[in-house]
C-alpha atoms as a PDB file:
ATOM      1  CA  MET A   1      -8.308  30.417-152.825  1.00  0.00           C
ATOM      2  CA  VAL A   2      -9.951  27.350-150.614  1.00  0.00           C
ATOM      3  CA  ARG A   3     -13.954  26.676-151.192  1.00  0.00           C
ATOM      4  CA  THR A   4     -16.284  26.902-148.505  1.00  0.00           C
ATOM      5  CA  GLN A   5     -20.005  26.847-147.712  1.00  0.00           C
ATOM      6  CA  ILE A   6     -21.876  28.755-145.218  1.00  0.00           C
ATOM      7  CA  SER A   7     -25.260  28.812-143.620  1.00  0.00           C
ATOM      8  CA  LEU A   8     -27.527  32.080-143.946  1.00  0.00           C
ATOM      9  CA  GLU A   9     -31.346  33.002-142.848  1.00  0.00           C
ATOM     10  CA  GLU A  10     -33.080  33.858-145.526  1.00  0.00           C
ATOM     11  CA  ASP A  11     -32.992  37.883-144.839  1.00  0.00           C
ATOM     12  CA  GLU A  12     -29.067  37.273-144.451  1.00  0.00           C
ATOM     13  CA  MET A  13     -28.556  35.984-148.003  1.00  0.00           C
ATOM     14  CA  GLU A  14     -31.271  38.494-149.436  1.00  0.00           C
ATOM     15  CA  THR A  15     -28.842  41.399-147.593  1.00  0.00           C
ATOM     16  CA  ALA A  16     -26.189  39.830-149.138  1.00  0.00           C
ATOM     17  CA  GLN A  17     -27.492  39.750-152.694  1.00  0.00           C
ATOM     18  CA  VAL A  18     -28.898  43.131-152.432  1.00  0.00           C
ATOM     19  CA  THR A  19     -25.234  44.609-151.083  1.00  0.00           C
ATOM     20  CA  ALA A  20     -23.305  42.491-153.561  1.00  0.00           C
ATOM     21  CA  LYS A  21     -25.467  43.727-156.563  1.00  0.00           C
ATOM     22  CA  ALA A  22     -25.336  47.359-155.167  1.00  0.00           C
ATOM     23  CA  TYR A  23     -21.309  47.062-155.584  1.00  0.00           C
ATOM     24  CA  GLY A  24     -21.789  45.206-158.885  1.00  0.00           C
ATOM     25  CA  ILE A  25     -19.723  41.963-157.387  1.00  0.00           C
ATOM     26  CA  SER A  26     -20.689  38.671-156.473  1.00  0.00           C
ATOM     27  CA  VAL A  27     -21.582  37.475-152.763  1.00  0.00           C
ATOM     28  CA  ALA A  28     -18.617  35.741-152.759  1.00  0.00           C
ATOM     29  CA  GLU A  29     -16.491  39.018-153.147  1.00  0.00           C
ATOM     30  CA  MET A  30     -19.024  41.088-150.966  1.00  0.00           C
ATOM     31  CA  MET A  31     -18.170  38.138-148.158  1.00  0.00           C
ATOM     32  CA  ARG A  32     -14.237  38.691-148.999  1.00  0.00           C
ATOM     33  CA  ARG A  33     -14.283  42.567-148.617  1.00  0.00           C
ATOM     34  CA  ALA A  34     -16.683  42.338-145.343  1.00  0.00           C
ATOM     35  CA  LEU A  35     -14.068  39.671-143.792  1.00  0.00           C
ATOM     36  CA  ARG A  36     -11.114  41.518-144.463  1.00  0.00           C
ATOM     37  CA  LYS A  37     -12.542  44.649-143.173  1.00  0.00           C
ATOM     38  CA  GLU A  38     -14.314  43.358-140.336  1.00  0.00           C
ATOM     39  CA  PHE A  39     -11.413  41.597-138.957  1.00  0.00           C
ATOM     40  CA  THR A  40      -8.126  42.154-140.517  1.00  0.00           C
ATOM     41  CA  PRO A  41      -6.018  43.603-137.036  1.00  0.00           C
ATOM     42  CA  ASP A  42      -4.132  46.731-137.512  1.00  0.00           C
ATOM     43  CA  LYS A  43      -0.634  45.688-137.981  1.00  0.00           C
ATOM     44  CA  SER A  44       0.870  48.568-136.418  1.00  0.00           C
ATOM     45  CA  LYS A  45      -1.714  47.941-133.495  1.00  0.00           C
ATOM     46  CA  PRO A  46      -1.458  44.405-132.501  1.00  0.00           C
ATOM     47  CA  TRP A  47      -3.066  44.732-128.891  1.00  0.00           C
ATOM     48  CA  MET A  48      -6.218  46.174-130.975  1.00  0.00           C
ATOM     49  CA  LYS A  49      -6.774  42.426-132.473  1.00  0.00           C
ATOM     50  CA  PHE A  50      -8.249  42.005-128.610  1.00  0.00           C
ATOM     51  CA  CYS A  51     -10.397  44.649-128.398  1.00  0.00           C
ATOM     52  CA  GLY A  52     -13.929  43.893-127.655  1.00  0.00           C
ATOM     53  CA  SER A  53     -13.346  40.183-127.416  1.00  0.00           C
ATOM     54  CA  ILE A  54     -13.100  40.238-123.621  1.00  0.00           C
ATOM     55  CA  GLU A  55     -16.090  41.115-121.571  1.00  0.00           C
ATOM     56  CA  SER A  56     -15.940  41.673-117.862  1.00  0.00           C
ATOM     57  CA  GLY A  57     -19.328  41.199-116.826  1.00  0.00           C
ATOM     58  CA  SER A  58     -19.357  44.048-115.126  1.00  0.00           C
ATOM     59  CA  ALA A  59     -21.525  47.173-115.876  1.00  0.00           C
ATOM     60  CA  THR A  60     -19.442  49.609-114.415  1.00  0.00           C
ATOM     61  CA  SER A  61     -16.034  48.389-116.183  1.00  0.00           C
ATOM     62  CA  SER A  62     -15.169  51.502-117.660  1.00  0.00           C
ATOM     63  CA  GLN A  63     -14.998  53.111-114.857  1.00  0.00           C
ATOM     64  CA  ASP A  64     -13.148  50.365-112.659  1.00  0.00           C
ATOM     65  CA  ILE A  65     -10.227  49.818-115.000  1.00  0.00           C
ATOM     66  CA  ASP A  66      -7.472  50.340-113.153  1.00  0.00           C
ATOM     67  CA  GLU A  67      -9.398  47.732-110.867  1.00  0.00           C
ATOM     68  CA  LEU A  68      -9.731  45.098-113.691  1.00  0.00           C
ATOM     69  CA  VAL A  69      -6.338  45.701-115.242  1.00  0.00           C
ATOM     70  CA  TYR A  70      -4.138  46.511-112.707  1.00  0.00           C
ATOM     71  CA  ALA A  71      -6.241  45.001-109.358  1.00  0.00           C
ATOM     72  CA  ARG A  72      -5.851  48.166-107.693  1.00  0.00           C
ATOM     73  CA  LYS A  73      -8.100  50.805-107.197  1.00  0.00           C
ATOM     74  CA  ASP A  74      -6.788  54.575-108.003  1.00  0.00           C
END
């Protein structure tokens, strides 16, 4: 295990402490669980690691998906 240090806002630390206490675990364990849950991609769908990581800047990108992905309008 690697030891690290992070900086949190006071309200973030309070939330972390309250949450950890509610689960009966340390703040460190709560952070590890949160990281595993939030950032571990589904191995059966390797493309999922990119979901939400790319922004087109277009408010209508969901309607223009063919043009964005395939460079064509259908």
